[in-house]
Amino acid sequence: MKKRRNFRKKPKDTAQGLSVSVYNNNVEEAIRRLKRKVKNSNLMQDLRDREHFVKPSIIKREKRNLAKLRNQYQVQKDKENY
């Protein structure tokens, strides 16, 4: 088995939520990693969605409309392929 160079064991992370460790005083890289984690976890989108109450009927309507739109795009894509 080939040894990996610059291998470092990650310390045990006891922090809750999203956290990033800073190695070699490289704060810029840690900020980039944190931004990527926040974006991938959809944390900001959830906070924006919870800012105002939305009635369940409106949520259902939006989901139904998005499903119709996805279906239209799929049908259009299938027509182009044939």
PDB file of N, CA and C in Angstrom:
ATOM      1  N   MET A   1       0.835  -1.179   0.000  1.00  0.00           N
ATOM      2  CA  MET A   1       0.000   0.000   0.000  1.00  0.00           C
ATOM      3  C   MET A   1       0.883   1.248   0.000  1.00  0.00           C
ATOM      4  N   LYS A   2       0.556   2.189  -0.863  1.00  0.00           N
ATOM      5  CA  LYS A   2       1.373   3.382  -1.029  1.00  0.00           C
ATOM      6  C   LYS A   2       1.089   4.377   0.098  1.00  0.00           C
ATOM      7  N   LYS A   3       2.160   4.953   0.663  1.00  0.00           N
ATOM      8  CA  LYS A   3       1.989   5.940   1.714  1.00  0.00           C
ATOM      9  C   LYS A   3       1.587   7.275   1.108  1.00  0.00           C
ATOM     10  N   ARG A   4       0.709   7.952   1.808  1.00  0.00           N
ATOM     11  CA  ARG A   4       0.281   9.264   1.336  1.00  0.00           C
ATOM     12  C   ARG A   4       1.169  10.336   1.942  1.00  0.00           C
ATOM     13  N   ARG A   5       1.582  11.275   1.115  1.00  0.00           N
ATOM     14  CA  ARG A   5       2.400  12.371   1.604  1.00  0.00           C
ATOM     15  C   ARG A   5       1.498  13.447   2.187  1.00  0.00           C
ATOM     16  N   ASN A   6       2.035  14.194   3.121  1.00  0.00           N
ATOM     17  CA  ASN A   6       1.322  15.294   3.763  1.00  0.00           C
ATOM     18  C   ASN A   6       0.000  14.832   4.366  1.00  0.00           C
ATOM     19  N   PHE A   7      -0.032  13.599   4.835  1.00  0.00           N
ATOM     20  CA  PHE A   7      -1.250  13.083   5.447  1.00  0.00           C
ATOM     21  C   PHE A   7      -1.316  13.583   6.874  1.00  0.00           C
ATOM     22  N   ARG A   8      -2.456  14.124   7.245  1.00  0.00           N
ATOM     23  CA  ARG A   8      -2.641  14.558   8.622  1.00  0.00           C
ATOM     24  C   ARG A   8      -3.958  13.997   9.137  1.00  0.00           C
ATOM     25  N   LYS A   9      -3.915  13.482  10.337  1.00  0.00           N
ATOM     26  CA  LYS A   9      -5.128  12.973  10.939  1.00  0.00           C
ATOM     27  C   LYS A   9      -5.984  14.145  11.375  1.00  0.00           C
ATOM     28  N   LYS A  10      -7.270  14.037  11.112  1.00  0.00           N
ATOM     29  CA  LYS A  10      -8.168  15.112  11.503  1.00  0.00           C
ATOM     30  C   LYS A  10      -8.494  14.957  12.982  1.00  0.00           C
ATOM     31  N   PRO A  11      -8.456  16.044  13.725  1.00  0.00           N
ATOM     32  CA  PRO A  11      -8.810  15.951  15.150  1.00  0.00           C
ATOM     33  C   PRO A  11     -10.297  15.668  15.309  1.00  0.00           C
ATOM     34  N   LYS A  12     -10.649  15.103  16.461  1.00  0.00           N
ATOM     35  CA  LYS A  12     -12.048  14.829  16.740  1.00  0.00           C
ATOM     36  C   LYS A  12     -12.802  16.146  16.785  1.00  0.00           C
ATOM     37  N   ASP A  13     -13.914  16.200  16.061  1.00  0.00           N
ATOM     38  CA  ASP A  13     -14.694  17.423  15.997  1.00  0.00           C
ATOM     39  C   ASP A  13     -15.884  17.291  16.936  1.00  0.00           C
ATOM     40  N   THR A  14     -15.894  18.075  18.006  1.00  0.00           N
ATOM     41  CA  THR A  14     -16.978  18.007  18.973  1.00  0.00           C
ATOM     42  C   THR A  14     -17.970  19.142  18.788  1.00  0.00           C
ATOM     43  N   ALA A  15     -17.719  20.036  17.837  1.00  0.00           N
ATOM     44  CA  ALA A  15     -18.608  21.165  17.611  1.00  0.00           C
ATOM     45  C   ALA A  15     -19.891  20.698  16.938  1.00  0.00           C
ATOM     46  N   GLN A  16     -20.992  21.323  17.305  1.00  0.00           N
ATOM     47  CA  GLN A  16     -22.265  21.008  16.674  1.00  0.00           C
ATOM     48  C   GLN A  16     -22.487  21.955  15.518  1.00  0.00           C
ATOM     49  N   GLY A  17     -23.243  21.500  14.539  1.00  0.00           N
ATOM     50  CA  GLY A  17     -23.517  22.338  13.383  1.00  0.00           C
ATOM     51  C   GLY A  17     -22.366  22.296  12.397  1.00  0.00           C
ATOM     52  N   LEU A  18     -22.294  23.295  11.541  1.00  0.00           N
ATOM     53  CA  LEU A  18     -21.240  23.367  10.540  1.00  0.00           C
ATOM     54  C   LEU A  18     -19.987  23.959  11.167  1.00  0.00           C
ATOM     55  N   SER A  19     -18.877  23.302  10.954  1.00  0.00           N
ATOM     56  CA  SER A  19     -17.619  23.819  11.476  1.00  0.00           C
ATOM     57  C   SER A  19     -16.498  23.453  10.521  1.00  0.00           C
ATOM     58  N   VAL A  20     -15.448  24.260  10.553  1.00  0.00           N
ATOM     59  CA  VAL A  20     -14.286  24.050   9.694  1.00  0.00           C
ATOM     60  C   VAL A  20     -13.041  24.253  10.532  1.00  0.00           C
ATOM     61  N   SER A  21     -12.069  23.377  10.373  1.00  0.00           N
ATOM     62  CA  SER A  21     -10.796  23.535  11.076  1.00  0.00           C
ATOM     63  C   SER A  21      -9.829  24.327  10.211  1.00  0.00           C
ATOM     64  N   VAL A  22      -9.019  25.155  10.857  1.00  0.00           N
ATOM     65  CA  VAL A  22      -8.029  25.964  10.149  1.00  0.00           C
ATOM     66  C   VAL A  22      -6.672  25.295  10.316  1.00  0.00           C
ATOM     67  N   TYR A  23      -6.023  24.987   9.186  1.00  0.00           N
ATOM     68  CA  TYR A  23      -4.701  24.375   9.201  1.00  0.00           C
ATOM     69  C   TYR A  23      -3.675  25.367   8.668  1.00  0.00           C
ATOM     70  N   ASN A  24      -2.515  25.419   9.292  1.00  0.00           N
ATOM     71  CA  ASN A  24      -1.377  26.249   8.856  1.00  0.00           C
ATOM     72  C   ASN A  24      -1.761  27.721   8.694  1.00  0.00           C
ATOM     73  N   ASN A  25      -2.625  28.216   9.554  1.00  0.00           N
ATOM     74  CA  ASN A  25      -3.079  29.617   9.521  1.00  0.00           C
ATOM     75  C   ASN A  25      -3.626  30.019   8.161  1.00  0.00           C
ATOM     76  N   ASN A  26      -4.206  29.075   7.454  1.00  0.00           N
ATOM     77  CA  ASN A  26      -4.770  29.348   6.133  1.00  0.00           C
ATOM     78  C   ASN A  26      -6.269  29.642   6.293  1.00  0.00           C
ATOM     79  N   VAL A  27      -6.575  30.879   6.664  1.00  0.00           N
ATOM     80  CA  VAL A  27      -7.951  31.272   6.954  1.00  0.00           C
ATOM     81  C   VAL A  27      -8.774  31.359   5.675  1.00  0.00           C
ATOM     82  N   GLU A  28      -8.156  31.807   4.584  1.00  0.00           N
ATOM     83  CA  GLU A  28      -8.900  31.962   3.329  1.00  0.00           C
ATOM     84  C   GLU A  28      -9.463  30.627   2.857  1.00  0.00           C
ATOM     85  N   GLU A  29      -8.649  29.580   2.941  1.00  0.00           N
ATOM     86  CA  GLU A  29      -9.119  28.262   2.525  1.00  0.00           C
ATOM     87  C   GLU A  29     -10.234  27.765   3.445  1.00  0.00           C
ATOM     88  N   ALA A  30     -10.112  28.043   4.741  1.00  0.00           N
ATOM     89  CA  ALA A  30     -11.138  27.636   5.696  1.00  0.00           C
ATOM     90  C   ALA A  30     -12.454  28.360   5.415  1.00  0.00           C
ATOM     91  N   ILE A  31     -12.372  29.628   5.051  1.00  0.00           N
ATOM     92  CA  ILE A  31     -13.589  30.383   4.715  1.00  0.00           C
ATOM     93  C   ILE A  31     -14.233  29.809   3.469  1.00  0.00           C
ATOM     94  N   ARG A  32     -13.414  29.458   2.462  1.00  0.00           N
ATOM     95  CA  ARG A  32     -13.965  28.856   1.245  1.00  0.00           C
ATOM     96  C   ARG A  32     -14.666  27.539   1.553  1.00  0.00           C
ATOM     97  N   ARG A  33     -14.037  26.723   2.419  1.00  0.00           N
ATOM     98  CA  ARG A  33     -14.640  25.434   2.790  1.00  0.00           C
ATOM     99  C   ARG A  33     -15.949  25.641   3.540  1.00  0.00           C
ATOM    100  N   LEU A  34     -15.982  26.639   4.445  1.00  0.00           N
ATOM    101  CA  LEU A  34     -17.201  26.920   5.208  1.00  0.00           C
ATOM    102  C   LEU A  34     -18.319  27.392   4.284  1.00  0.00           C
ATOM    103  N   LYS A  35     -17.994  28.275   3.335  1.00  0.00           N
ATOM    104  CA  LYS A  35     -19.003  28.749   2.390  1.00  0.00           C
ATOM    105  C   LYS A  35     -19.562  27.601   1.574  1.00  0.00           C
ATOM    106  N   ARG A  36     -18.691  26.676   1.150  1.00  0.00           N
ATOM    107  CA  ARG A  36     -19.142  25.519   0.373  1.00  0.00           C
ATOM    108  C   ARG A  36     -20.053  24.627   1.206  1.00  0.00           C
ATOM    109  N   LYS A  37     -19.699  24.432   2.491  1.00  0.00           N
ATOM    110  CA  LYS A  37     -20.529  23.615   3.368  1.00  0.00           C
ATOM    111  C   LYS A  37     -21.901  24.244   3.572  1.00  0.00           C
ATOM    112  N   VAL A  38     -21.936  25.559   3.784  1.00  0.00           N
ATOM    113  CA  VAL A  38     -23.207  26.252   3.988  1.00  0.00           C
ATOM    114  C   VAL A  38     -24.062  26.150   2.732  1.00  0.00           C
ATOM    115  N   LYS A  39     -23.440  26.314   1.570  1.00  0.00           N
ATOM    116  CA  LYS A  39     -24.187  26.242   0.319  1.00  0.00           C
ATOM    117  C   LYS A  39     -24.738  24.838   0.080  1.00  0.00           C
ATOM    118  N   ASN A  40     -23.923  23.813   0.336  1.00  0.00           N
ATOM    119  CA  ASN A  40     -24.365  22.440   0.104  1.00  0.00           C
ATOM    120  C   ASN A  40     -25.417  21.986   1.100  1.00  0.00           C
ATOM    121  N   SER A  41     -25.442  22.578   2.299  1.00  0.00           N
ATOM    122  CA  SER A  41     -26.415  22.164   3.303  1.00  0.00           C
ATOM    123  C   SER A  41     -27.755  22.891   3.153  1.00  0.00           C
ATOM    124  N   ASN A  42     -27.838  23.858   2.253  1.00  0.00           N
ATOM    125  CA  ASN A  42     -29.051  24.658   2.024  1.00  0.00           C
ATOM    126  C   ASN A  42     -29.513  25.371   3.296  1.00  0.00           C
ATOM    127  N   LEU A  43     -28.591  25.717   4.155  1.00  0.00           N
ATOM    128  CA  LEU A  43     -28.924  26.371   5.412  1.00  0.00           C
ATOM    129  C   LEU A  43     -29.533  27.751   5.172  1.00  0.00           C
ATOM    130  N   MET A  44     -28.910  28.547   4.322  1.00  0.00           N
ATOM    131  CA  MET A  44     -29.416  29.899   4.076  1.00  0.00           C
ATOM    132  C   MET A  44     -30.772  29.863   3.377  1.00  0.00           C
ATOM    133  N   GLN A  45     -30.969  28.898   2.474  1.00  0.00           N
ATOM    134  CA  GLN A  45     -32.253  28.772   1.787  1.00  0.00           C
ATOM    135  C   GLN A  45     -33.356  28.425   2.782  1.00  0.00           C
ATOM    136  N   ASP A  46     -33.067  27.531   3.729  1.00  0.00           N
ATOM    137  CA  ASP A  46     -34.056  27.171   4.745  1.00  0.00           C
ATOM    138  C   ASP A  46     -34.404  28.375   5.616  1.00  0.00           C
ATOM    139  N   LEU A  47     -33.397  29.149   5.996  1.00  0.00           N
ATOM    140  CA  LEU A  47     -33.662  30.338   6.808  1.00  0.00           C
ATOM    141  C   LEU A  47     -34.524  31.336   6.048  1.00  0.00           C
ATOM    142  N   ARG A  48     -34.255  31.508   4.757  1.00  0.00           N
ATOM    143  CA  ARG A  48     -35.048  32.418   3.943  1.00  0.00           C
ATOM    144  C   ARG A  48     -36.491  31.924   3.823  1.00  0.00           C
ATOM    145  N   ASP A  49     -36.651  30.599   3.669  1.00  0.00           N
ATOM    146  CA  ASP A  49     -37.993  30.046   3.542  1.00  0.00           C
ATOM    147  C   ASP A  49     -38.790  30.176   4.829  1.00  0.00           C
ATOM    148  N   ARG A  50     -38.136  30.098   5.982  1.00  0.00           N
ATOM    149  CA  ARG A  50     -38.823  30.171   7.262  1.00  0.00           C
ATOM    150  C   ARG A  50     -39.038  31.596   7.753  1.00  0.00           C
ATOM    151  N   GLU A  51     -38.596  32.553   6.968  1.00  0.00           N
ATOM    152  CA  GLU A  51     -38.718  33.945   7.391  1.00  0.00           C
ATOM    153  C   GLU A  51     -40.179  34.359   7.514  1.00  0.00           C
ATOM    154  N   HIS A  52     -41.028  33.866   6.630  1.00  0.00           N
ATOM    155  CA  HIS A  52     -42.457  34.183   6.648  1.00  0.00           C
ATOM    156  C   HIS A  52     -43.244  32.886   6.598  1.00  0.00           C
ATOM    157  N   PHE A  53     -44.414  32.906   7.219  1.00  0.00           N
ATOM    158  CA  PHE A  53     -45.270  31.722   7.181  1.00  0.00           C
ATOM    159  C   PHE A  53     -45.933  31.625   5.817  1.00  0.00           C
ATOM    160  N   VAL A  54     -45.935  30.406   5.274  1.00  0.00           N
ATOM    161  CA  VAL A  54     -46.592  30.149   3.991  1.00  0.00           C
ATOM    162  C   VAL A  54     -47.632  29.058   4.237  1.00  0.00           C
ATOM    163  N   LYS A  55     -48.843  29.319   3.786  1.00  0.00           N
ATOM    164  CA  LYS A  55     -49.910  28.350   3.993  1.00  0.00           C
ATOM    165  C   LYS A  55     -49.585  27.040   3.280  1.00  0.00           C
ATOM    166  N   PRO A  56     -49.979  25.909   3.877  1.00  0.00           N
ATOM    167  CA  PRO A  56     -49.699  24.612   3.255  1.00  0.00           C
ATOM    168  C   PRO A  56     -50.317  24.473   1.868  1.00  0.00           C
ATOM    169  N   SER A  57     -51.463  25.094   1.632  1.00  0.00           N
ATOM    170  CA  SER A  57     -52.084  24.997   0.308  1.00  0.00           C
ATOM    171  C   SER A  57     -51.225  25.683  -0.752  1.00  0.00           C
ATOM    172  N   ILE A  58     -50.570  26.770  -0.385  1.00  0.00           N
ATOM    173  CA  ILE A  58     -49.700  27.473  -1.331  1.00  0.00           C
ATOM    174  C   ILE A  58     -48.462  26.629  -1.623  1.00  0.00           C
ATOM    175  N   ILE A  59     -47.930  25.955  -0.596  1.00  0.00           N
ATOM    176  CA  ILE A  59     -46.768  25.082  -0.802  1.00  0.00           C
ATOM    177  C   ILE A  59     -47.126  23.953  -1.758  1.00  0.00           C
ATOM    178  N   LYS A  60     -48.307  23.345  -1.557  1.00  0.00           N
ATOM    179  CA  LYS A  60     -48.753  22.259  -2.444  1.00  0.00           C
ATOM    180  C   LYS A  60     -48.909  22.774  -3.871  1.00  0.00           C
ATOM    181  N   ARG A  61     -49.490  23.952  -4.018  1.00  0.00           N
ATOM    182  CA  ARG A  61     -49.700  24.524  -5.346  1.00  0.00           C
ATOM    183  C   ARG A  61     -48.371  24.757  -6.051  1.00  0.00           C
ATOM    184  N   GLU A  62     -47.388  25.301  -5.311  1.00  0.00           N
ATOM    185  CA  GLU A  62     -46.076  25.553  -5.918  1.00  0.00           C
ATOM    186  C   GLU A  62     -45.398  24.252  -6.330  1.00  0.00           C
ATOM    187  N   LYS A  63     -45.502  23.213  -5.478  1.00  0.00           N
ATOM    188  CA  LYS A  63     -44.915  21.918  -5.826  1.00  0.00           C
ATOM    189  C   LYS A  63     -45.567  21.351  -7.078  1.00  0.00           C
ATOM    190  N   ARG A  64     -46.891  21.476  -7.158  1.00  0.00           N
ATOM    191  CA  ARG A  64     -47.616  20.962  -8.319  1.00  0.00           C
ATOM    192  C   ARG A  64     -47.203  21.710  -9.582  1.00  0.00           C
ATOM    193  N   ASN A  65     -47.086  23.030  -9.483  1.00  0.00           N
ATOM    194  CA  ASN A  65     -46.681  23.827 -10.645  1.00  0.00           C
ATOM    195  C   ASN A  65     -45.253  23.502 -11.089  1.00  0.00           C
ATOM    196  N   LEU A  66     -44.353  23.273 -10.111  1.00  0.00           N
ATOM    197  CA  LEU A  66     -42.985  22.902 -10.470  1.00  0.00           C
ATOM    198  C   LEU A  66     -42.948  21.536 -11.144  1.00  0.00           C
ATOM    199  N   ALA A  67     -43.784  20.607 -10.679  1.00  0.00           N
ATOM    200  CA  ALA A  67     -43.831  19.282 -11.303  1.00  0.00           C
ATOM    201  C   ALA A  67     -44.327  19.394 -12.740  1.00  0.00           C
ATOM    202  N   LYS A  68     -45.334  20.238 -12.969  1.00  0.00           N
ATOM    203  CA  LYS A  68     -45.838  20.445 -14.333  1.00  0.00           C
ATOM    204  C   LYS A  68     -44.746  21.023 -15.223  1.00  0.00           C
ATOM    205  N   LEU A  69     -44.011  21.994 -14.690  1.00  0.00           N
ATOM    206  CA  LEU A  69     -42.947  22.631 -15.461  1.00  0.00           C
ATOM    207  C   LEU A  69     -41.843  21.632 -15.804  1.00  0.00           C
ATOM    208  N   ARG A  70     -41.456  20.796 -14.821  1.00  0.00           N
ATOM    209  CA  ARG A  70     -40.436  19.773 -15.087  1.00  0.00           C
ATOM    210  C   ARG A  70     -40.915  18.811 -16.163  1.00  0.00           C
ATOM    211  N   ASN A  71     -42.188  18.446 -16.090  1.00  0.00           N
ATOM    212  CA  ASN A  71     -42.754  17.536 -17.088  1.00  0.00           C
ATOM    213  C   ASN A  71     -42.731  18.174 -18.479  1.00  0.00           C
ATOM    214  N   GLN A  72     -43.067  19.457 -18.563  1.00  0.00           N
ATOM    215  CA  GLN A  72     -43.041  20.148 -19.857  1.00  0.00           C
ATOM    216  C   GLN A  72     -41.629  20.176 -20.430  1.00  0.00           C
ATOM    217  N   TYR A  73     -40.632  20.450 -19.586  1.00  0.00           N
ATOM    218  CA  TYR A  73     -39.252  20.460 -20.053  1.00  0.00           C
ATOM    219  C   TYR A  73     -38.827  19.078 -20.543  1.00  0.00           C
ATOM    220  N   GLN A  74     -39.250  18.037 -19.817  1.00  0.00           N
ATOM    221  CA  GLN A  74     -38.892  16.678 -20.206  1.00  0.00           C
ATOM    222  C   GLN A  74     -39.528  16.309 -21.535  1.00  0.00           C
ATOM    223  N   VAL A  75     -40.801  16.671 -21.731  1.00  0.00           N
ATOM    224  CA  VAL A  75     -41.492  16.388 -22.991  1.00  0.00           C
ATOM    225  C   VAL A  75     -40.812  17.126 -24.134  1.00  0.00           C
ATOM    226  N   GLN A  76     -40.456  18.392 -23.896  1.00  0.00           N
ATOM    227  CA  GLN A  76     -39.781  19.186 -24.921  1.00  0.00           C
ATOM    228  C   GLN A  76     -38.423  18.579 -25.264  1.00  0.00           C
ATOM    229  N   LYS A  77     -37.698  18.112 -24.267  1.00  0.00           N
ATOM    230  CA  LYS A  77     -36.392  17.501 -24.474  1.00  0.00           C
ATOM    231  C   LYS A  77     -36.534  16.202 -25.273  1.00  0.00           C
ATOM    232  N   ASP A  78     -37.578  15.406 -24.955  1.00  0.00           N
ATOM    233  CA  ASP A  78     -37.813  14.166 -25.683  1.00  0.00           C
ATOM    234  C   ASP A  78     -38.163  14.436 -27.148  1.00  0.00           C
ATOM    235  N   LYS A  79     -38.925  15.493 -27.411  1.00  0.00           N
ATOM    236  CA  LYS A  79     -39.281  15.834 -28.794  1.00  0.00           C
ATOM    237  C   LYS A  79     -38.048  16.213 -29.605  1.00  0.00           C
ATOM    238  N   GLU A  80     -37.116  16.931 -28.962  1.00  0.00           N
ATOM    239  CA  GLU A  80     -35.896  17.343 -29.662  1.00  0.00           C
ATOM    240  C   GLU A  80     -35.022  16.139 -29.987  1.00  0.00           C
ATOM    241  N   ASN A  81     -35.026  15.137 -29.138  1.00  0.00           N
ATOM    242  CA  ASN A  81     -34.171  13.970 -29.349  1.00  0.00           C
ATOM    243  C   ASN A  81     -34.688  13.076 -30.476  1.00  0.00           C
ATOM    244  N   TYR A  82     -35.986  13.131 -30.768  1.00  0.00           N
ATOM    245  CA  TYR A  82     -36.537  12.263 -31.817  1.00  0.00           C
ATOM    246  C   TYR A  82     -36.693  12.972 -33.113  1.00  0.00           C
TER     247      TYR A  82
END
